[in-house]
């Protein structure tokens, strides 16, 4: 059974930094990609950053140059380093995995709040 567990969220002032982690357990680690999404109140869930199985990355325009997605060597943990945070980055951040064959999994989310 695949499980994704996020951690590292919290309250930070504008301009500050946070590092989110997502522990990936179970499954065979045969991903198409891993990703971070976020959802602010009243908004749809949006893609923040993607890390493919070949280690290519892609970012939403709103976070380019400020956020960095990465992983550990064993694909056990996915990270999102968030710098120069803005109040509009406030949201629940979700870890997402898509495996070969199309199975997808979500974490439970971690709250990030950026105060002005």
Protein backbone atom coordinates (compact mmCIF):
# COMPACT_ATOMS: atom_id res chain seq x y z
CA UNK A 1 0.00 0.00 0.00
CA UNK A 2 1.49 3.30 -1.09
CA UNK A 3 1.48 6.09 1.47
CA UNK A 4 2.54 9.71 1.07
CA UNK A 5 3.01 11.71 4.27
CA UNK A 6 3.81 15.41 4.12
CA UNK A 7 5.50 17.44 6.81
CA UNK A 8 7.22 20.79 7.23
CA UNK A 9 4.34 23.20 6.84
CA UNK A 10 3.74 26.08 9.22
CA UNK A 11 3.45 29.82 9.67
CA UNK A 12 6.15 32.06 8.22
CA UNK A 13 6.51 35.75 7.49
CA UNK A 14 6.64 37.04 3.95
CA UNK A 15 10.15 36.71 2.58
CA UNK A 16 10.86 33.66 4.70
CA UNK A 17 11.54 30.05 3.76
CA UNK A 18 10.09 26.62 4.46
CA UNK A 19 11.08 23.13 3.36
CA UNK A 20 8.31 20.59 2.85
CA UNK A 21 8.98 16.87 2.92
CA UNK A 22 6.94 13.96 1.62
CA UNK A 23 7.78 10.48 2.85
CA UNK A 24 6.94 7.87 0.21
CA UNK A 25 6.40 4.31 1.45
CA UNK A 26 5.11 1.11 -0.12
CA UNK A 27 4.92 0.45 -3.83
CA UNK A 28 7.77 -0.31 -6.19
CA UNK A 29 9.08 3.27 -6.75
CA UNK A 30 8.32 2.95 -10.47
CA UNK A 31 7.02 6.46 -10.87
CA UNK A 32 6.05 8.41 -13.91
CA UNK A 33 6.51 11.48 -11.77
CA UNK A 34 6.23 12.98 -8.30
CA UNK A 35 4.75 16.40 -7.74
CA UNK A 36 3.62 19.07 -5.31
CA UNK A 37 0.19 20.66 -5.65
CA UNK A 38 -1.46 23.33 -3.53
CA UNK A 39 -4.99 24.45 -2.82
CA UNK A 40 -5.98 27.77 -1.31
CA UNK A 41 -9.46 28.32 0.17
CA UNK A 42 -12.02 28.80 -2.58
CA UNK A 43 -9.53 27.86 -5.28
CA UNK A 44 -8.95 24.74 -7.34
CA UNK A 45 -5.96 22.55 -6.61
CA UNK A 46 -3.03 23.69 -8.75
CA UNK A 47 0.23 22.13 -9.79
CA UNK A 48 3.27 23.73 -8.16
CA UNK A 49 6.23 21.58 -9.22
CA UNK A 50 6.93 18.27 -10.95
CA UNK A 51 9.88 15.87 -10.79
CA UNK A 52 9.89 13.19 -13.46
CA UNK A 53 11.40 9.70 -13.26
CA UNK A 54 14.30 11.01 -15.36
CA UNK A 55 14.83 13.88 -12.90
CA UNK A 56 13.46 16.62 -15.10
CA UNK A 57 11.69 19.39 -13.23
CA UNK A 58 8.98 21.84 -14.11
CA UNK A 59 7.40 24.66 -12.13
CA UNK A 60 4.34 26.84 -12.14
CA UNK A 61 5.19 30.33 -13.37
CA UNK A 62 4.16 31.76 -10.01
CA UNK A 63 6.93 29.89 -8.16
CA UNK A 64 9.75 29.75 -10.70
CA UNK A 65 13.01 30.96 -9.22
CA UNK A 66 11.67 30.69 -5.65
CA UNK A 67 10.76 27.00 -5.19
CA UNK A 68 12.90 23.93 -5.81
CA UNK A 69 11.65 20.33 -6.01
CA UNK A 70 14.09 17.54 -5.23
CA UNK A 71 14.32 14.01 -3.84
CA UNK A 72 16.64 11.76 -1.91
CA UNK A 73 18.73 9.14 -3.69
CA UNK A 74 16.37 6.26 -2.94
CA UNK A 75 13.18 8.04 -3.97
CA UNK A 76 11.93 7.68 -0.41
CA UNK A 77 11.45 11.39 0.23
CA UNK A 78 10.31 14.26 -1.97
CA UNK A 79 11.16 17.83 -0.98
CA UNK A 80 9.95 21.30 -1.81
CA UNK A 81 12.24 24.12 -0.80
CA UNK A 82 10.26 27.34 -0.74
CA UNK A 83 12.12 30.65 -0.55
CA UNK A 84 10.99 34.27 -0.74
CA UNK A 85 7.52 33.22 0.34
CA UNK A 86 4.59 35.50 -0.38
CA UNK A 87 1.14 35.72 1.24
CA UNK A 88 -0.33 34.34 -1.99
CA UNK A 89 1.62 31.13 -1.41
CA UNK A 90 -0.68 30.39 1.53
CA UNK A 91 -2.40 27.07 0.86
CA UNK A 92 -2.55 23.42 1.77
CA UNK A 93 0.31 21.68 -0.04
CA UNK A 94 -0.18 18.12 -1.25
CA UNK A 95 2.31 15.50 -2.35
CA UNK A 96 1.28 13.51 -5.43
CA UNK A 97 2.64 10.38 -7.11
CA UNK A 98 1.76 8.84 -10.44
CA UNK A 99 3.02 5.35 -11.11
CA UNK A 100 3.52 3.38 -14.30
CA UNK A 101 0.12 1.92 -15.14
CA UNK A 102 -1.62 5.10 -14.09
CA UNK A 103 -2.21 4.59 -10.37
CA UNK A 104 -2.12 7.92 -8.53
CA UNK A 105 -1.76 8.72 -4.85
CA UNK A 106 -2.12 11.82 -2.70
CA UNK A 107 -0.86 12.79 0.71
CA UNK A 108 -3.11 14.30 3.34
CA UNK A 109 -1.67 17.79 2.89
CA UNK A 110 0.27 20.23 5.04
CA UNK A 111 -0.78 23.81 5.72
CA UNK A 112 1.53 26.66 4.73
CA UNK A 113 0.55 30.13 5.92
CA UNK A 114 2.54 33.20 4.92
CA UNK A 115 1.81 36.37 6.87
CA UNK A 116 2.34 39.84 5.41
